PDB file of N, CA and C in Angstrom:
ATOM      1  N   MET A   1    -140.779  15.635 -90.550  1.00  0.00           N
ATOM      2  CA  MET A   1    -140.153  14.852 -91.593  1.00  0.00           C
ATOM      3  C   MET A   1    -141.125  13.793 -92.121  1.00  0.00           C
ATOM      4  N   THR A   2    -141.899  13.147 -91.258  1.00  0.00           N
ATOM      5  CA  THR A   2    -142.836  12.128 -91.721  1.00  0.00           C
ATOM      6  C   THR A   2    -144.005  12.755 -92.472  1.00  0.00           C
ATOM      7  N   VAL A   3    -144.351  13.993 -92.121  1.00  0.00           N
ATOM      8  CA  VAL A   3    -145.447  14.646 -92.822  1.00  0.00           C
ATOM      9  C   VAL A   3    -145.065  14.899 -94.276  1.00  0.00           C
ATOM     10  N   SER A   4    -143.847  15.316 -94.523  1.00  0.00           N
ATOM     11  CA  SER A   4    -143.431  15.589 -95.897  1.00  0.00           C
ATOM     12  C   SER A   4    -143.312  14.290 -96.700  1.00  0.00           C
ATOM     13  N   ARG A   5    -142.876  13.204 -96.059  1.00  0.00           N
ATOM     14  CA  ARG A   5    -142.810  11.920 -96.755  1.00  0.00           C
ATOM     15  C   ARG A   5    -144.213  11.444 -97.115  1.00  0.00           C
ATOM     16  N   LEU A   6    -145.140  11.617 -96.185  1.00  0.00           N
ATOM     17  CA  LEU A   6    -146.510  11.218 -96.433  1.00  0.00           C
ATOM     18  C   LEU A   6    -147.114  12.047 -97.563  1.00  0.00           C
ATOM     19  N   THR A   7    -146.840  13.337 -97.560  1.00  0.00           N
ATOM     20  CA  THR A   7    -147.351  14.209 -98.610  1.00  0.00           C
ATOM     21  C   THR A   7    -146.752  13.844 -99.966  1.00  0.00           C
ATOM     22  N   VAL A   8    -145.459  13.563 -99.997  1.00  0.00           N
ATOM     23  CA  VAL A   8    -144.799  13.188-101.249  1.00  0.00           C
ATOM     24  C   VAL A   8    -145.328  11.853-101.750  1.00  0.00           C
ATOM     25  N   SER A   9    -145.532  10.900-100.856  1.00  0.00           N
ATOM     26  CA  SER A   9    -146.044   9.601-101.279  1.00  0.00           C
ATOM     27  C   SER A   9    -147.480   9.721-101.793  1.00  0.00           C
ATOM     28  N   ARG A  10    -148.285  10.584-101.184  1.00  0.00           N
ATOM     29  CA  ARG A  10    -149.644  10.790-101.684  1.00  0.00           C
ATOM     30  C   ARG A  10    -149.627  11.466-103.047  1.00  0.00           C
ATOM     31  N   LEU A  11    -148.717  12.410-103.222  1.00  0.00           N
ATOM     32  CA  LEU A  11    -148.596  13.083-104.507  1.00  0.00           C
ATOM     33  C   LEU A  11    -148.192  12.095-105.597  1.00  0.00           C
ATOM     34  N   ILE A  12    -147.252  11.225-105.301  1.00  0.00           N
ATOM     35  CA  ILE A  12    -146.829  10.210-106.260  1.00  0.00           C
ATOM     36  C   ILE A  12    -147.980   9.250-106.560  1.00  0.00           C
ATOM     37  N   ALA A  13    -148.735   8.880-105.535  1.00  0.00           N
ATOM     38  CA  ALA A  13    -149.880   7.995-105.743  1.00  0.00           C
ATOM     39  C   ALA A  13    -150.929   8.649-106.636  1.00  0.00           C
ATOM     40  N   TRP A  14    -151.208   9.924-106.421  1.00  0.00           N
ATOM     41  CA  TRP A  14    -152.188  10.623-107.255  1.00  0.00           C
ATOM     42  C   TRP A  14    -151.706  10.755-108.695  1.00  0.00           C
ATOM     43  N   ILE A  15    -150.436  10.987-108.882  1.00  0.00           N
ATOM     44  CA  ILE A  15    -149.890  11.075-110.239  1.00  0.00           C
ATOM     45  C   ILE A  15    -150.015   9.724-110.948  1.00  0.00           C
ATOM     46  N   CYS A  16    -149.680   8.647-110.239  1.00  0.00           N
ATOM     47  CA  CYS A  16    -149.793   7.308-110.838  1.00  0.00           C
ATOM     48  C   CYS A  16    -151.238   6.970-111.173  1.00  0.00           C
ATOM     49  N   LEU A  17    -152.159   7.278-110.285  1.00  0.00           N
ATOM     50  CA  LEU A  17    -153.571   7.021-110.559  1.00  0.00           C
ATOM     51  C   LEU A  17    -154.081   7.863-111.730  1.00  0.00           C
ATOM     52  N   SER A  18    -153.615   9.099-111.826  1.00  0.00           N
ATOM     53  CA  SER A  18    -154.019   9.951-112.939  1.00  0.00           C
ATOM     54  C   SER A  18    -153.520   9.394-114.258  1.00  0.00           C
ATOM     55  N   LEU A  19    -152.304   8.861-114.269  1.00  0.00           N
ATOM     56  CA  LEU A  19    -151.772   8.266-115.493  1.00  0.00           C
ATOM     57  C   LEU A  19    -152.533   7.005-115.875  1.00  0.00           C
ATOM     58  N   LEU A  20    -152.962   6.223-114.889  1.00  0.00           N
ATOM     59  CA  LEU A  20    -153.725   5.022-115.178  1.00  0.00           C
ATOM     60  C   LEU A  20    -155.098   5.353-115.765  1.00  0.00           C
ATOM     61  N   LEU A  21    -155.702   6.421-115.289  1.00  0.00           N
ATOM     62  CA  LEU A  21    -157.035   6.793-115.765  1.00  0.00           C
ATOM     63  C   LEU A  21    -157.001   7.580-117.060  1.00  0.00           C
ATOM     64  N   ALA A  22    -155.828   8.018-117.491  1.00  0.00           N
ATOM     65  CA  ALA A  22    -155.729   8.827-118.706  1.00  0.00           C
ATOM     66  C   ALA A  22    -156.093   8.024-119.947  1.00  0.00           C
ATOM     67  N   GLY A  23    -155.925   6.711-119.928  1.00  0.00           N
ATOM     68  CA  GLY A  23    -156.230   5.892-121.092  1.00  0.00           C
ATOM     69  C   GLY A  23    -157.691   5.502-121.199  1.00  0.00           C
ATOM     70  N   CYS A  24    -158.490   5.802-120.205  1.00  0.00           N
ATOM     71  CA  CYS A  24    -159.906   5.417-120.225  1.00  0.00           C
ATOM     72  C   CYS A  24    -160.695   6.442-121.034  1.00  0.00           C
ATOM     73  N   ASP A  25    -161.349   5.971-122.092  1.00  0.00           N
ATOM     74  CA  ASP A  25    -162.170   6.879-122.883  1.00  0.00           C
ATOM     75  C   ASP A  25    -163.602   6.380-123.010  1.00  0.00           C
ATOM     76  N   GLY A  26    -163.994   5.467-122.180  1.00  0.00           N
ATOM     77  CA  GLY A  26    -165.349   4.952-122.210  1.00  0.00           C
ATOM     78  C   GLY A  26    -165.368   3.483-122.553  1.00  0.00           C
ATOM     79  N   ALA A  27    -166.496   2.872-122.325  1.00  0.00           N
ATOM     80  CA  ALA A  27    -166.636   1.444-122.597  1.00  0.00           C
ATOM     81  C   ALA A  27    -166.820   1.227-124.089  1.00  0.00           C
ATOM     82  N   PRO A  28    -166.189   0.191-124.637  1.00  0.00           N
ATOM     83  CA  PRO A  28    -166.421  -0.089-126.051  1.00  0.00           C
ATOM     84  C   PRO A  28    -167.854  -0.557-126.275  1.00  0.00           C
ATOM     85  N   SER A  29    -168.488   0.007-127.277  1.00  0.00           N
ATOM     86  CA  SER A  29    -169.876  -0.360-127.549  1.00  0.00           C
ATOM     87  C   SER A  29    -170.061  -0.554-129.050  1.00  0.00           C
ATOM     88  N   ARG A  30    -171.098  -1.278-129.398  1.00  0.00           N
ATOM     89  CA  ARG A  30    -171.416  -1.595-130.780  1.00  0.00           C
ATOM     90  C   ARG A  30    -172.800  -1.068-131.115  1.00  0.00           C
ATOM     91  N   ASN A  31    -172.934  -0.523-132.307  1.00  0.00           N
ATOM     92  CA  ASN A  31    -174.218  -0.033-132.779  1.00  0.00           C
ATOM     93  C   ASN A  31    -174.974  -1.195-133.415  1.00  0.00           C
ATOM     94  N   ILE A  32    -176.044  -1.630-132.764  1.00  0.00           N
ATOM     95  CA  ILE A  32    -176.868  -2.723-133.259  1.00  0.00           C
ATOM     96  C   ILE A  32    -178.284  -2.192-133.427  1.00  0.00           C
ATOM     97  N   LEU A  33    -178.717  -2.078-134.678  1.00  0.00           N
ATOM     98  CA  LEU A  33    -180.047  -1.586-135.025  1.00  0.00           C
ATOM     99  C   LEU A  33    -180.348  -0.218-134.395  1.00  0.00           C
ATOM    100  N   GLY A  34    -179.363   0.644-134.368  1.00  0.00           N
ATOM    101  CA  GLY A  34    -179.559   1.995-133.877  1.00  0.00           C
ATOM    102  C   GLY A  34    -179.354   2.189-132.388  1.00  0.00           C
ATOM    103  N   SER A  35    -179.149   1.114-131.638  1.00  0.00           N
ATOM    104  CA  SER A  35    -178.899   1.229-130.201  1.00  0.00           C
ATOM    105  C   SER A  35    -177.476   0.804-129.905  1.00  0.00           C
ATOM    106  N   TYR A  36    -176.862   1.482-128.968  1.00  0.00           N
ATOM    107  CA  TYR A  36    -175.501   1.139-128.588  1.00  0.00           C
ATOM    108  C   TYR A  36    -175.523   0.158-127.426  1.00  0.00           C
ATOM    109  N   PHE A  37    -174.924  -1.000-127.635  1.00  0.00           N
ATOM    110  CA  PHE A  37    -174.837  -2.029-126.612  1.00  0.00           C
ATOM    111  C   PHE A  37    -173.382  -2.180-126.205  1.00  0.00           C
ATOM    112  N   PRO A  38    -173.130  -2.403-124.908  1.00  0.00           N
ATOM    113  CA  PRO A  38    -171.751  -2.669-124.502  1.00  0.00           C
ATOM    114  C   PRO A  38    -171.248  -3.955-125.151  1.00  0.00           C
ATOM    115  N   SER A  39    -169.998  -3.954-125.553  1.00  0.00           N
ATOM    116  CA  SER A  39    -169.437  -5.120-126.247  1.00  0.00           C
ATOM    117  C   SER A  39    -169.432  -6.356-125.366  1.00  0.00           C
ATOM    118  N   TRP A  40    -169.249  -6.168-124.064  1.00  0.00           N
ATOM    119  CA  TRP A  40    -169.224  -7.343-123.184  1.00  0.00           C
ATOM    120  C   TRP A  40    -170.588  -8.020-123.159  1.00  0.00           C
ATOM    121  N   MET A  41    -171.659  -7.243-123.298  1.00  0.00           N
ATOM    122  CA  MET A  41    -172.993  -7.827-123.263  1.00  0.00           C
ATOM    123  C   MET A  41    -173.252  -8.648-124.531  1.00  0.00           C
ATOM    124  N   VAL A  42    -172.800  -8.140-125.653  1.00  0.00           N
ATOM    125  CA  VAL A  42    -172.960  -8.869-126.905  1.00  0.00           C
ATOM    126  C   VAL A  42    -172.163 -10.171-126.852  1.00  0.00           C
ATOM    127  N   CYS A  43    -170.926 -10.101-126.347  1.00  0.00           N
ATOM    128  CA  CYS A  43    -170.099 -11.308-126.240  1.00  0.00           C
ATOM    129  C   CYS A  43    -170.716 -12.310-125.269  1.00  0.00           C
ATOM    130  N   ALA A  44    -171.280 -11.829-124.170  1.00  0.00           N
ATOM    131  CA  ALA A  44    -171.906 -12.732-123.198  1.00  0.00           C
ATOM    132  C   ALA A  44    -173.130 -13.427-123.796  1.00  0.00           C
ATOM    133  N   LEU A  45    -173.934 -12.697-124.550  1.00  0.00           N
ATOM    134  CA  LEU A  45    -175.101 -13.308-125.180  1.00  0.00           C
ATOM    135  C   LEU A  45    -174.705 -14.328-126.237  1.00  0.00           C
ATOM    136  N   LEU A  46    -173.657 -14.043-126.999  1.00  0.00           N
ATOM    137  CA  LEU A  46    -173.185 -15.005-127.985  1.00  0.00           C
ATOM    138  C   LEU A  46    -172.585 -16.238-127.304  1.00  0.00           C
ATOM    139  N   GLY A  47    -171.897 -16.037-126.187  1.00  0.00           N
ATOM    140  CA  GLY A  47    -171.374 -17.174-125.430  1.00  0.00           C
ATOM    141  C   GLY A  47    -172.494 -18.040-124.875  1.00  0.00           C
ATOM    142  N   LEU A  48    -173.562 -17.418-124.404  1.00  0.00           N
ATOM    143  CA  LEU A  48    -174.717 -18.154-123.907  1.00  0.00           C
ATOM    144  C   LEU A  48    -175.389 -18.942-125.032  1.00  0.00           C
ATOM    145  N   ALA A  49    -175.529 -18.307-126.181  1.00  0.00           N
ATOM    146  CA  ALA A  49    -176.144 -18.995-127.324  1.00  0.00           C
ATOM    147  C   ALA A  49    -175.298 -20.187-127.770  1.00  0.00           C
ATOM    148  N   MET A  50    -173.983 -20.020-127.791  1.00  0.00           N
ATOM    149  CA  MET A  50    -173.104 -21.122-128.186  1.00  0.00           C
ATOM    150  C   MET A  50    -173.135 -22.250-127.158  1.00  0.00           C
ATOM    151  N   SER A  51    -173.298 -21.907-125.893  1.00  0.00           N
ATOM    152  CA  SER A  51    -173.400 -22.924-124.856  1.00  0.00           C
ATOM    153  C   SER A  51    -174.697 -23.728-125.003  1.00  0.00           C
ATOM    154  N   ILE A  52    -175.781 -23.054-125.328  1.00  0.00           N
ATOM    155  CA  ILE A  52    -177.051 -23.749-125.559  1.00  0.00           C
ATOM    156  C   ILE A  52    -176.956 -24.639-126.797  1.00  0.00           C
ATOM    157  N   LEU A  53    -176.291 -24.141-127.836  1.00  0.00           N
ATOM    158  CA  LEU A  53    -176.084 -24.940-129.037  1.00  0.00           C
ATOM    159  C   LEU A  53    -175.208 -26.162-128.751  1.00  0.00           C
ATOM    160  N   ALA A  54    -174.169 -25.977-127.936  1.00  0.00           N
ATOM    161  CA  ALA A  54    -173.306 -27.106-127.568  1.00  0.00           C
ATOM    162  C   ALA A  54    -174.083 -28.140-126.765  1.00  0.00           C
ATOM    163  N   ARG A  55    -174.976 -27.690-125.883  1.00  0.00           N
ATOM    164  CA  ARG A  55    -175.793 -28.630-125.114  1.00  0.00           C
ATOM    165  C   ARG A  55    -176.695 -29.438-126.041  1.00  0.00           C
ATOM    166  N   ALA A  56    -177.291 -28.765-127.013  1.00  0.00           N
ATOM    167  CA  ALA A  56    -178.168 -29.470-127.953  1.00  0.00           C
ATOM    168  C   ALA A  56    -177.386 -30.504-128.769  1.00  0.00           C
ATOM    169  N   ILE A  57    -176.191 -30.146-129.194  1.00  0.00           N
ATOM    170  CA  ILE A  57    -175.364 -31.080-129.968  1.00  0.00           C
ATOM    171  C   ILE A  57    -174.935 -32.257-129.101  1.00  0.00           C
ATOM    172  N   LEU A  58    -174.527 -31.972-127.861  1.00  0.00           N
ATOM    173  CA  LEU A  58    -174.131 -33.054-126.961  1.00  0.00           C
ATOM    174  C   LEU A  58    -175.314 -33.966-126.633  1.00  0.00           C
ATOM    175  N   LYS A  59    -176.489 -33.398-126.517  1.00  0.00           N
ATOM    176  CA  LYS A  59    -177.684 -34.209-126.226  1.00  0.00           C
ATOM    177  C   LYS A  59    -178.043 -35.096-127.424  1.00  0.00           C
ATOM    178  N   LEU A  60    -177.938 -34.544-128.629  1.00  0.00           N
ATOM    179  CA  LEU A  60    -178.254 -35.325-129.825  1.00  0.00           C
ATOM    180  C   LEU A  60    -177.273 -36.483-130.031  1.00  0.00           C
ATOM    181  N   THR A  61    -176.013 -36.244-129.704  1.00  0.00           N
ATOM    182  CA  THR A  61    -175.006 -37.296-129.887  1.00  0.00           C
ATOM    183  C   THR A  61    -174.969 -38.275-128.728  1.00  0.00           C
ATOM    184  N   GLY A  62    -175.633 -37.967-127.626  1.00  0.00           N
ATOM    185  CA  GLY A  62    -175.647 -38.849-126.469  1.00  0.00           C
ATOM    186  C   GLY A  62    -174.462 -38.665-125.538  1.00  0.00           C
ATOM    187  N   LEU A  63    -173.639 -37.666-125.803  1.00  0.00           N
ATOM    188  CA  LEU A  63    -172.463 -37.419-124.958  1.00  0.00           C
ATOM    189  C   LEU A  63    -172.797 -36.647-123.684  1.00  0.00           C
ATOM    190  N   LEU A  64    -173.968 -36.044-123.642  1.00  0.00           N
ATOM    191  CA  LEU A  64    -174.334 -35.248-122.462  1.00  0.00           C
ATOM    192  C   LEU A  64    -174.448 -36.128-121.217  1.00  0.00           C
ATOM    193  N   GLU A  65    -174.903 -37.357-121.390  1.00  0.00           N
ATOM    194  CA  GLU A  65    -175.029 -38.267-120.245  1.00  0.00           C
ATOM    195  C   GLU A  65    -173.671 -38.773-119.768  1.00  0.00           C
ATOM    196  N   GLU A  66    -172.665 -38.712-120.625  1.00  0.00           N
ATOM    197  CA  GLU A  66    -171.332 -39.200-120.269  1.00  0.00           C
ATOM    198  C   GLU A  66    -170.497 -38.167-119.525  1.00  0.00           C
ATOM    199  N   ILE A  67    -170.882 -36.911-119.615  1.00  0.00           N
ATOM    200  CA  ILE A  67    -170.123 -35.841-118.950  1.00  0.00           C
ATOM    201  C   ILE A  67    -170.433 -35.888-117.459  1.00  0.00           C
ATOM    202  N   PRO A  68    -169.393 -35.897-116.583  1.00  0.00           N
ATOM    203  CA  PRO A  68    -169.645 -36.023-115.143  1.00  0.00           C
ATOM    204  C   PRO A  68    -170.394 -34.835-114.530  1.00  0.00           C
ATOM    205  N   ALA A  69    -170.080 -33.621-114.962  1.00  0.00           N
ATOM    206  CA  ALA A  69    -170.750 -32.432-114.425  1.00  0.00           C
ATOM    207  C   ALA A  69    -171.124 -31.536-115.601  1.00  0.00           C
ATOM    208  N   PRO A  70    -172.263 -31.808-116.244  1.00  0.00           N
ATOM    209  CA  PRO A  70    -172.586 -31.069-117.465  1.00  0.00           C
ATOM    210  C   PRO A  70    -172.769 -29.569-117.253  1.00  0.00           C
ATOM    211  N   LEU A  71    -173.302 -29.171-116.119  1.00  0.00           N
ATOM    212  CA  LEU A  71    -173.482 -27.739-115.870  1.00  0.00           C
ATOM    213  C   LEU A  71    -172.146 -27.013-115.841  1.00  0.00           C
ATOM    214  N   VAL A  72    -171.177 -27.603-115.176  1.00  0.00           N
ATOM    215  CA  VAL A  72    -169.850 -26.987-115.082  1.00  0.00           C
ATOM    216  C   VAL A  72    -169.170 -26.967-116.444  1.00  0.00           C
ATOM    217  N   VAL A  73    -169.296 -28.055-117.190  1.00  0.00           N
ATOM    218  CA  VAL A  73    -168.667 -28.129-118.510  1.00  0.00           C
ATOM    219  C   VAL A  73    -169.299 -27.116-119.468  1.00  0.00           C
ATOM    220  N   LEU A  74    -170.610 -27.018-119.467  1.00  0.00           N
ATOM    221  CA  LEU A  74    -171.277 -26.072-120.355  1.00  0.00           C
ATOM    222  C   LEU A  74    -171.020 -24.623-119.929  1.00  0.00           C
ATOM    223  N   LEU A  75    -170.934 -24.384-118.638  1.00  0.00           N
ATOM    224  CA  LEU A  75    -170.586 -23.051-118.149  1.00  0.00           C
ATOM    225  C   LEU A  75    -169.172 -22.676-118.581  1.00  0.00           C
ATOM    226  N   ALA A  76    -168.252 -23.613-118.474  1.00  0.00           N
ATOM    227  CA  ALA A  76    -166.877 -23.356-118.908  1.00  0.00           C
ATOM    228  C   ALA A  76    -166.818 -23.122-120.412  1.00  0.00           C
ATOM    229  N   PHE A  77    -167.598 -23.884-121.173  1.00  0.00           N
ATOM    230  CA  PHE A  77    -167.638 -23.687-122.617  1.00  0.00           C
ATOM    231  C   PHE A  77    -168.183 -22.301-122.962  1.00  0.00           C
ATOM    232  N   GLY A  78    -169.255 -21.896-122.300  1.00  0.00           N
ATOM    233  CA  GLY A  78    -169.823 -20.567-122.536  1.00  0.00           C
ATOM    234  C   GLY A  78    -168.854 -19.455-122.183  1.00  0.00           C
ATOM    235  N   CYS A  79    -168.140 -19.610-121.065  1.00  0.00           N
ATOM    236  CA  CYS A  79    -167.148 -18.603-120.673  1.00  0.00           C
ATOM    237  C   CYS A  79    -165.994 -18.554-121.657  1.00  0.00           C
ATOM    238  N   ALA A  80    -165.557 -19.711-122.132  1.00  0.00           N
ATOM    239  CA  ALA A  80    -164.457 -19.753-123.100  1.00  0.00           C
ATOM    240  C   ALA A  80    -164.851 -19.056-124.396  1.00  0.00           C
ATOM    241  N   VAL A  81    -166.067 -19.294-124.868  1.00  0.00           N
ATOM    242  CA  VAL A  81    -166.534 -18.621-126.083  1.00  0.00           C
ATOM    243  C   VAL A  81    -166.652 -17.120-125.840  1.00  0.00           C
ATOM    244  N   ASN A  82    -167.172 -16.740-124.686  1.00  0.00           N
ATOM    245  CA  ASN A  82    -167.313 -15.338-124.335  1.00  0.00           C
ATOM    246  C   ASN A  82    -165.966 -14.636-124.342  1.00  0.00           C
ATOM    247  N   PHE A  83    -164.979 -15.200-123.672  1.00  0.00           N
ATOM    248  CA  PHE A  83    -163.668 -14.567-123.594  1.00  0.00           C
ATOM    249  C   PHE A  83    -162.974 -14.561-124.946  1.00  0.00           C
ATOM    250  N   ALA A  84    -163.141 -15.619-125.734  1.00  0.00           N
ATOM    251  CA  ALA A  84    -162.524 -15.668-127.062  1.00  0.00           C
ATOM    252  C   ALA A  84    -163.123 -14.593-127.979  1.00  0.00           C
ATOM    253  N   LEU A  85    -164.440 -14.447-127.937  1.00  0.00           N
ATOM    254  CA  LEU A  85    -165.083 -13.397-128.739  1.00  0.00           C
ATOM    255  C   LEU A  85    -164.619 -12.013-128.303  1.00  0.00           C
ATOM    256  N   TRP A  86    -164.489 -11.817-127.015  1.00  0.00           N
ATOM    257  CA  TRP A  86    -164.043 -10.528-126.482  1.00  0.00           C
ATOM    258  C   TRP A  86    -162.622 -10.218-126.978  1.00  0.00           C
ATOM    259  N   LEU A  87    -161.749 -11.215-126.973  1.00  0.00           N
ATOM    260  CA  LEU A  87    -160.379 -10.986-127.439  1.00  0.00           C
ATOM    261  C   LEU A  87    -160.329 -10.742-128.936  1.00  0.00           C
ATOM    262  N   VAL A  88    -161.097 -11.504-129.702  1.00  0.00           N
ATOM    263  CA  VAL A  88    -161.063 -11.361-131.152  1.00  0.00           C
ATOM    264  C   VAL A  88    -161.721 -10.054-131.593  1.00  0.00           C
ATOM    265  N   TRP A  89    -162.835  -9.716-130.966  1.00  0.00           N
ATOM    266  CA  TRP A  89    -163.600  -8.560-131.387  1.00  0.00           C
ATOM    267  C   TRP A  89    -162.896  -7.252-131.046  1.00  0.00           C
ATOM    268  N   LEU A  90    -162.268  -7.185-129.895  1.00  0.00           N
ATOM    269  CA  LEU A  90    -161.694  -5.927-129.443  1.00  0.00           C
ATOM    270  C   LEU A  90    -160.194  -5.805-129.679  1.00  0.00           C
ATOM    271  N   ALA A  91    -159.580  -6.848-130.192  1.00  0.00           N
ATOM    272  CA  ALA A  91    -158.129  -6.766-130.421  1.00  0.00           C
ATOM    273  C   ALA A  91    -157.806  -6.230-131.785  1.00  0.00           C
TER     274      ALA A  91
END
């Protein structure tokens, strides 16, 4: 009796996993100058660039010295830009 329950539960698990994988058709990518780049990489690079730009602006205004943990704040800013671009670009 336990063998049949185990077999049925494995069958149900395989069916559920198959349904979850049915929607996967590959990673989204963008054609940039003839090469295909993963979208997450493009978003990460843009987030990094925006973080560097934010650091330069904060340094010019003198606010960088007032921030208690600038590395953490700039990292959070870069991640926020990265995730926002990912949501806007792929939605």
